[in-house]
PDB file of N, CA and C in Angstrom:
ATOM      1  N   MET A   1     -39.958   6.277  18.113  1.00  0.00           N
ATOM      2  CA  MET A   1     -39.772   7.187  17.001  1.00  0.00           C
ATOM      3  C   MET A   1     -40.794   8.317  17.123  1.00  0.00           C
ATOM      4  N   LYS A   2     -40.356   9.496  16.781  1.00  0.00           N
ATOM      5  CA  LYS A   2     -41.267  10.641  16.859  1.00  0.00           C
ATOM      6  C   LYS A   2     -42.407  10.488  15.847  1.00  0.00           C
ATOM      7  N   ARG A   3     -43.528  11.050  16.151  1.00  0.00           N
ATOM      8  CA  ARG A   3     -44.727  10.906  15.318  1.00  0.00           C
ATOM      9  C   ARG A   3     -44.908  12.044  14.322  1.00  0.00           C
ATOM     10  N   ASN A   4     -44.462  13.231  14.673  1.00  0.00           N
ATOM     11  CA  ASN A   4     -44.659  14.404  13.814  1.00  0.00           C
ATOM     12  C   ASN A   4     -43.322  14.876  13.270  1.00  0.00           C
ATOM     13  N   TRP A   5     -43.273  15.013  11.958  1.00  0.00           N
ATOM     14  CA  TRP A   5     -42.047  15.377  11.274  1.00  0.00           C
ATOM     15  C   TRP A   5     -42.240  16.688  10.511  1.00  0.00           C
ATOM     16  N   GLN A   6     -41.251  17.556  10.588  1.00  0.00           N
ATOM     17  CA  GLN A   6     -41.249  18.781   9.812  1.00  0.00           C
ATOM     18  C   GLN A   6     -40.778  18.447   8.393  1.00  0.00           C
ATOM     19  N   PRO A   7     -41.199  19.231   7.392  1.00  0.00           N
ATOM     20  CA  PRO A   7     -40.782  18.949   6.008  1.00  0.00           C
ATOM     21  C   PRO A   7     -39.263  18.827   5.832  1.00  0.00           C
ATOM     22  N   GLU A   8     -38.513  19.685   6.507  1.00  0.00           N
ATOM     23  CA  GLU A   8     -37.052  19.633   6.401  1.00  0.00           C
ATOM     24  C   GLU A   8     -36.497  18.319   6.939  1.00  0.00           C
ATOM     25  N   GLU A   9     -37.111  17.824   7.997  1.00  0.00           N
ATOM     26  CA  GLU A   9     -36.667  16.557   8.588  1.00  0.00           C
ATOM     27  C   GLU A   9     -36.991  15.378   7.671  1.00  0.00           C
ATOM     28  N   LEU A  10     -38.157  15.417   7.065  1.00  0.00           N
ATOM     29  CA  LEU A  10     -38.512  14.353   6.121  1.00  0.00           C
ATOM     30  C   LEU A  10     -37.508  14.303   4.979  1.00  0.00           C
ATOM     31  N   ILE A  11     -37.165  15.467   4.461  1.00  0.00           N
ATOM     32  CA  ILE A  11     -36.197  15.532   3.362  1.00  0.00           C
ATOM     33  C   ILE A  11     -34.844  14.994   3.814  1.00  0.00           C
ATOM     34  N   GLU A  12     -34.392  15.404   4.976  1.00  0.00           N
ATOM     35  CA  GLU A  12     -33.070  15.008   5.455  1.00  0.00           C
ATOM     36  C   GLU A  12     -32.965  13.516   5.765  1.00  0.00           C
ATOM     37  N   TYR A  13     -33.971  12.965   6.435  1.00  0.00           N
ATOM     38  CA  TYR A  13     -33.860  11.597   6.935  1.00  0.00           C
ATOM     39  C   TYR A  13     -34.580  10.546   6.097  1.00  0.00           C
ATOM     40  N   TRP A  14     -35.562  10.941   5.304  1.00  0.00           N
ATOM     41  CA  TRP A  14     -36.407   9.951   4.643  1.00  0.00           C
ATOM     42  C   TRP A  14     -36.379   9.995   3.123  1.00  0.00           C
ATOM     43  N   THR A  15     -35.592  10.876   2.538  1.00  0.00           N
ATOM     44  CA  THR A  15     -35.505  10.917   1.083  1.00  0.00           C
ATOM     45  C   THR A  15     -34.785   9.673   0.574  1.00  0.00           C
ATOM     46  N   VAL A  16     -35.383   9.038  -0.401  1.00  0.00           N
ATOM     47  CA  VAL A  16     -34.788   7.855  -1.025  1.00  0.00           C
ATOM     48  C   VAL A  16     -33.844   8.366  -2.114  1.00  0.00           C
ATOM     49  N   VAL A  17     -32.557   8.099  -1.934  1.00  0.00           N
ATOM     50  CA  VAL A  17     -31.527   8.611  -2.848  1.00  0.00           C
ATOM     51  C   VAL A  17     -31.379   7.686  -4.065  1.00  0.00           C
ATOM     52  N   PRO A  18     -30.731   8.170  -5.134  1.00  0.00           N
ATOM     53  CA  PRO A  18     -30.679   7.402  -6.384  1.00  0.00           C
ATOM     54  C   PRO A  18     -30.228   5.947  -6.270  1.00  0.00           C
ATOM     55  N   ASN A  19     -29.185   5.658  -5.500  1.00  0.00           N
ATOM     56  CA  ASN A  19     -28.763   4.253  -5.412  1.00  0.00           C
ATOM     57  C   ASN A  19     -29.803   3.392  -4.688  1.00  0.00           C
ATOM     58  N   GLU A  20     -30.568   3.993  -3.788  1.00  0.00           N
ATOM     59  CA  GLU A  20     -31.661   3.259  -3.129  1.00  0.00           C
ATOM     60  C   GLU A  20     -32.825   3.062  -4.096  1.00  0.00           C
ATOM     61  N   LEU A  21     -33.092   4.060  -4.955  1.00  0.00           N
ATOM     62  CA  LEU A  21     -34.127   3.912  -5.977  1.00  0.00           C
ATOM     63  C   LEU A  21     -33.796   2.758  -6.912  1.00  0.00           C
ATOM     64  N   ASP A  22     -32.507   2.582  -7.227  1.00  0.00           N
ATOM     65  CA  ASP A  22     -32.094   1.460  -8.065  1.00  0.00           C
ATOM     66  C   ASP A  22     -32.481   0.127  -7.432  1.00  0.00           C
ATOM     67  N   LEU A  23     -32.342   0.025  -6.122  1.00  0.00           N
ATOM     68  CA  LEU A  23     -32.752  -1.204  -5.420  1.00  0.00           C
ATOM     69  C   LEU A  23     -34.253  -1.428  -5.550  1.00  0.00           C
ATOM     70  N   LEU A  24     -35.020  -0.352  -5.447  1.00  0.00           N
ATOM     71  CA  LEU A  24     -36.479  -0.473  -5.501  1.00  0.00           C
ATOM     72  C   LEU A  24     -36.981  -0.873  -6.878  1.00  0.00           C
ATOM     73  N   THR A  25     -36.317  -0.424  -7.930  1.00  0.00           N
ATOM     74  CA  THR A  25     -36.790  -0.749  -9.280  1.00  0.00           C
ATOM     75  C   THR A  25     -36.662  -2.241  -9.579  1.00  0.00           C
ATOM     76  N   LYS A  26     -35.834  -2.926  -8.820  1.00  0.00           N
ATOM     77  CA  LYS A  26     -35.659  -4.369  -9.006  1.00  0.00           C
ATOM     78  C   LYS A  26     -36.706  -5.187  -8.248  1.00  0.00           C
ATOM     79  N   LYS A  27     -37.552  -4.518  -7.488  1.00  0.00           N
ATOM     80  CA  LYS A  27     -38.581  -5.192  -6.690  1.00  0.00           C
ATOM     81  C   LYS A  27     -39.941  -5.032  -7.364  1.00  0.00           C
ATOM     82  N   THR A  28     -40.869  -5.893  -7.008  1.00  0.00           N
ATOM     83  CA  THR A  28     -42.213  -5.776  -7.565  1.00  0.00           C
ATOM     84  C   THR A  28     -42.891  -4.540  -6.990  1.00  0.00           C
ATOM     85  N   ALA A  29     -43.831  -4.005  -7.717  1.00  0.00           N
ATOM     86  CA  ALA A  29     -44.549  -2.806  -7.280  1.00  0.00           C
ATOM     87  C   ALA A  29     -45.192  -3.025  -5.916  1.00  0.00           C
ATOM     88  N   THR A  30     -45.639  -4.223  -5.670  1.00  0.00           N
ATOM     89  CA  THR A  30     -46.296  -4.550  -4.406  1.00  0.00           C
ATOM     90  C   THR A  30     -45.351  -4.383  -3.218  1.00  0.00           C
ATOM     91  N   ASN A  31     -44.079  -4.654  -3.421  1.00  0.00           N
ATOM     92  CA  ASN A  31     -43.114  -4.643  -2.311  1.00  0.00           C
ATOM     93  C   ASN A  31     -42.325  -3.351  -2.155  1.00  0.00           C
ATOM     94  N   ARG A  32     -42.393  -2.459  -3.115  1.00  0.00           N
ATOM     95  CA  ARG A  32     -41.519  -1.278  -3.104  1.00  0.00           C
ATOM     96  C   ARG A  32     -41.699  -0.383  -1.886  1.00  0.00           C
ATOM     97  N   LEU A  33     -42.917  -0.082  -1.544  1.00  0.00           N
ATOM     98  CA  LEU A  33     -43.144   0.819  -0.408  1.00  0.00           C
ATOM     99  C   LEU A  33     -42.611   0.200   0.877  1.00  0.00           C
ATOM    100  N   GLY A  34     -42.929  -1.044   1.109  1.00  0.00           N
ATOM    101  CA  GLY A  34     -42.470  -1.712   2.332  1.00  0.00           C
ATOM    102  C   GLY A  34     -40.958  -1.761   2.429  1.00  0.00           C
ATOM    103  N   ILE A  35     -40.310  -2.076   1.331  1.00  0.00           N
ATOM    104  CA  ILE A  35     -38.851  -2.151   1.326  1.00  0.00           C
ATOM    105  C   ILE A  35     -38.244  -0.775   1.560  1.00  0.00           C
ATOM    106  N   ALA A  36     -38.792   0.254   0.903  1.00  0.00           N
ATOM    107  CA  ALA A  36     -38.294   1.613   1.103  1.00  0.00           C
ATOM    108  C   ALA A  36     -38.460   2.048   2.556  1.00  0.00           C
ATOM    109  N   LEU A  37     -39.603   1.755   3.145  1.00  0.00           N
ATOM    110  CA  LEU A  37     -39.840   2.115   4.542  1.00  0.00           C
ATOM    111  C   LEU A  37     -38.890   1.384   5.475  1.00  0.00           C
ATOM    112  N   LEU A  38     -38.695   0.101   5.254  1.00  0.00           N
ATOM    113  CA  LEU A  38     -37.787  -0.666   6.110  1.00  0.00           C
ATOM    114  C   LEU A  38     -36.355  -0.154   5.991  1.00  0.00           C
ATOM    115  N   LEU A  39     -35.929   0.130   4.778  1.00  0.00           N
ATOM    116  CA  LEU A  39     -34.574   0.625   4.549  1.00  0.00           C
ATOM    117  C   LEU A  39     -34.338   1.943   5.273  1.00  0.00           C
ATOM    118  N   LYS A  40     -35.223   2.907   5.070  1.00  0.00           N
ATOM    119  CA  LYS A  40     -35.042   4.226   5.669  1.00  0.00           C
ATOM    120  C   LYS A  40     -35.231   4.183   7.192  1.00  0.00           C
ATOM    121  N   TYR A  41     -36.155   3.362   7.659  1.00  0.00           N
ATOM    122  CA  TYR A  41     -36.358   3.217   9.105  1.00  0.00           C
ATOM    123  C   TYR A  41     -35.079   2.678   9.739  1.00  0.00           C
ATOM    124  N   PHE A  42     -34.506   1.654   9.118  1.00  0.00           N
ATOM    125  CA  PHE A  42     -33.283   1.057   9.650  1.00  0.00           C
ATOM    126  C   PHE A  42     -32.147   2.079   9.662  1.00  0.00           C
ATOM    127  N   GLN A  43     -32.036   2.873   8.625  1.00  0.00           N
ATOM    128  CA  GLN A  43     -30.991   3.899   8.580  1.00  0.00           C
ATOM    129  C   GLN A  43     -31.157   4.918   9.702  1.00  0.00           C
ATOM    130  N   TYR A  44     -32.388   5.232  10.041  1.00  0.00           N
ATOM    131  CA  TYR A  44     -32.646   6.247  11.071  1.00  0.00           C
ATOM    132  C   TYR A  44     -32.545   5.673  12.485  1.00  0.00           C
ATOM    133  N   GLU A  45     -33.165   4.510  12.697  1.00  0.00           N
ATOM    134  CA  GLU A  45     -33.261   3.947  14.037  1.00  0.00           C
ATOM    135  C   GLU A  45     -32.170   2.916  14.366  1.00  0.00           C
ATOM    136  N   GLY A  46     -31.553   2.352  13.334  1.00  0.00           N
ATOM    137  CA  GLY A  46     -30.560   1.305  13.573  1.00  0.00           C
ATOM    138  C   GLY A  46     -31.175  -0.047  13.888  1.00  0.00           C
ATOM    139  N   ARG A  47     -32.437  -0.183  13.598  1.00  0.00           N
ATOM    140  CA  ARG A  47     -33.174  -1.442  13.800  1.00  0.00           C
ATOM    141  C   ARG A  47     -34.390  -1.433  12.893  1.00  0.00           C
ATOM    142  N   PHE A  48     -34.998  -2.594  12.732  1.00  0.00           N
ATOM    143  CA  PHE A  48     -36.228  -2.669  11.954  1.00  0.00           C
ATOM    144  C   PHE A  48     -37.425  -2.473  12.877  1.00  0.00           C
ATOM    145  N   PRO A  49     -38.520  -1.935  12.363  1.00  0.00           N
ATOM    146  CA  PRO A  49     -39.716  -1.782  13.213  1.00  0.00           C
ATOM    147  C   PRO A  49     -40.286  -3.151  13.570  1.00  0.00           C
ATOM    148  N   THR A  50     -40.890  -3.225  14.740  1.00  0.00           N
ATOM    149  CA  THR A  50     -41.518  -4.481  15.159  1.00  0.00           C
ATOM    150  C   THR A  50     -42.977  -4.557  14.709  1.00  0.00           C
ATOM    151  N   SER A  51     -43.538  -3.409  14.319  1.00  0.00           N
ATOM    152  CA  SER A  51     -44.897  -3.397  13.774  1.00  0.00           C
ATOM    153  C   SER A  51     -45.028  -2.182  12.846  1.00  0.00           C
ATOM    154  N   LYS A  52     -46.018  -2.243  11.968  1.00  0.00           N
ATOM    155  CA  LYS A  52     -46.196  -1.120  11.042  1.00  0.00           C
ATOM    156  C   LYS A  52     -46.640   0.144  11.758  1.00  0.00           C
ATOM    157  N   ALA A  53     -47.190   0.012  12.942  1.00  0.00           N
ATOM    158  CA  ALA A  53     -47.620   1.174  13.720  1.00  0.00           C
ATOM    159  C   ALA A  53     -46.442   2.041  14.170  1.00  0.00           C
ATOM    160  N   GLU A  54     -45.239   1.501  14.138  1.00  0.00           N
ATOM    161  CA  GLU A  54     -44.057   2.267  14.526  1.00  0.00           C
ATOM    162  C   GLU A  54     -43.664   3.299  13.481  1.00  0.00           C
ATOM    163  N   ILE A  55     -44.134   3.147  12.261  1.00  0.00           N
ATOM    164  CA  ILE A  55     -43.763   4.059  11.185  1.00  0.00           C
ATOM    165  C   ILE A  55     -44.828   5.153  11.087  1.00  0.00           C
ATOM    166  N   PRO A  56     -44.454   6.405  11.336  1.00  0.00           N
ATOM    167  CA  PRO A  56     -45.431   7.501  11.310  1.00  0.00           C
ATOM    168  C   PRO A  56     -46.074   7.686   9.932  1.00  0.00           C
ATOM    169  N   ARG A  57     -47.325   8.077   9.935  1.00  0.00           N
ATOM    170  CA  ARG A  57     -48.052   8.297   8.677  1.00  0.00           C
ATOM    171  C   ARG A  57     -47.394   9.358   7.807  1.00  0.00           C
ATOM    172  N   ASP A  58     -46.851  10.399   8.429  1.00  0.00           N
ATOM    173  CA  ASP A  58     -46.153  11.441   7.661  1.00  0.00           C
ATOM    174  C   ASP A  58     -45.024  10.839   6.836  1.00  0.00           C
ATOM    175  N   VAL A  59     -44.327   9.892   7.417  1.00  0.00           N
ATOM    176  CA  VAL A  59     -43.212   9.237   6.741  1.00  0.00           C
ATOM    177  C   VAL A  59     -43.721   8.395   5.568  1.00  0.00           C
ATOM    178  N   VAL A  60     -44.780   7.648   5.790  1.00  0.00           N
ATOM    179  CA  VAL A  60     -45.352   6.812   4.721  1.00  0.00           C
ATOM    180  C   VAL A  60     -45.788   7.699   3.555  1.00  0.00           C
ATOM    181  N   ARG A  61     -46.468   8.788   3.854  1.00  0.00           N
ATOM    182  CA  ARG A  61     -46.924   9.707   2.799  1.00  0.00           C
ATOM    183  C   ARG A  61     -45.750  10.322   2.039  1.00  0.00           C
ATOM    184  N   TYR A  62     -44.672  10.585   2.745  1.00  0.00           N
ATOM    185  CA  TYR A  62     -43.507  11.182   2.104  1.00  0.00           C
ATOM    186  C   TYR A  62     -42.799  10.181   1.191  1.00  0.00           C
ATOM    187  N   ILE A  63     -42.662   8.939   1.628  1.00  0.00           N
ATOM    188  CA  ILE A  63     -41.917   7.936   0.861  1.00  0.00           C
ATOM    189  C   ILE A  63     -42.736   7.365  -0.298  1.00  0.00           C
ATOM    190  N   LEU A  64     -44.028   7.403  -0.217  1.00  0.00           N
ATOM    191  CA  LEU A  64     -44.889   6.803  -1.239  1.00  0.00           C
ATOM    192  C   LEU A  64     -44.512   7.191  -2.676  1.00  0.00           C
ATOM    193  N   PRO A  65     -44.316   8.457  -2.999  1.00  0.00           N
ATOM    194  CA  PRO A  65     -43.939   8.790  -4.385  1.00  0.00           C
ATOM    195  C   PRO A  65     -42.602   8.188  -4.815  1.00  0.00           C
ATOM    196  N   PHE A  66     -41.650   8.093  -3.895  1.00  0.00           N
ATOM    197  CA  PHE A  66     -40.372   7.486  -4.233  1.00  0.00           C
ATOM    198  C   PHE A  66     -40.544   6.017  -4.599  1.00  0.00           C
ATOM    199  N   ALA A  67     -41.402   5.349  -3.865  1.00  0.00           N
ATOM    200  CA  ALA A  67     -41.591   3.912  -4.072  1.00  0.00           C
ATOM    201  C   ALA A  67     -42.306   3.587  -5.370  1.00  0.00           C
ATOM    202  N   TYR A  68     -43.137   4.479  -5.847  1.00  0.00           N
ATOM    203  CA  TYR A  68     -43.923   4.175  -7.047  1.00  0.00           C
ATOM    204  C   TYR A  68     -43.621   5.096  -8.220  1.00  0.00           C
ATOM    205  N   PHE A  69     -43.778   6.374  -8.047  1.00  0.00           N
ATOM    206  CA  PHE A  69     -43.615   7.308  -9.168  1.00  0.00           C
ATOM    207  C   PHE A  69     -42.194   7.293  -9.724  1.00  0.00           C
ATOM    208  N   PHE A  70     -41.202   7.413  -8.850  1.00  0.00           N
ATOM    209  CA  PHE A  70     -39.831   7.488  -9.310  1.00  0.00           C
ATOM    210  C   PHE A  70     -39.282   6.152  -9.778  1.00  0.00           C
ATOM    211  N   CYS A  71     -39.994   5.079  -9.507  1.00  0.00           N
ATOM    212  CA  CYS A  71     -39.552   3.746  -9.941  1.00  0.00           C
ATOM    213  C   CYS A  71     -40.325   3.283 -11.164  1.00  0.00           C
ATOM    214  N   GLY A  72     -41.129   4.137 -11.727  1.00  0.00           N
ATOM    215  CA  GLY A  72     -41.850   3.782 -12.946  1.00  0.00           C
ATOM    216  C   GLY A  72     -43.049   2.896 -12.755  1.00  0.00           C
ATOM    217  N   PHE A  73     -43.810   3.133 -11.691  1.00  0.00           N
ATOM    218  CA  PHE A  73     -45.018   2.345 -11.429  1.00  0.00           C
ATOM    219  C   PHE A  73     -46.078   2.670 -12.442  1.00  0.00           C
TER     220      PHE A  73
END
């Protein structure tokens, strides 16, 4: 997976859409980020990561607000 993402690419590939947010609100706050990352990673790569190092930091920073703020953390 590429390491550096442009803002437009983050929006296109990593935005958590409303029906995915509904899934996250049913999870504990502790698990939301991990589940969101796994879901979006799988959608992009067609597989799950084998380690957390496979997920670029830019992606984690982008998804973080979706996992907590938009789910009512």
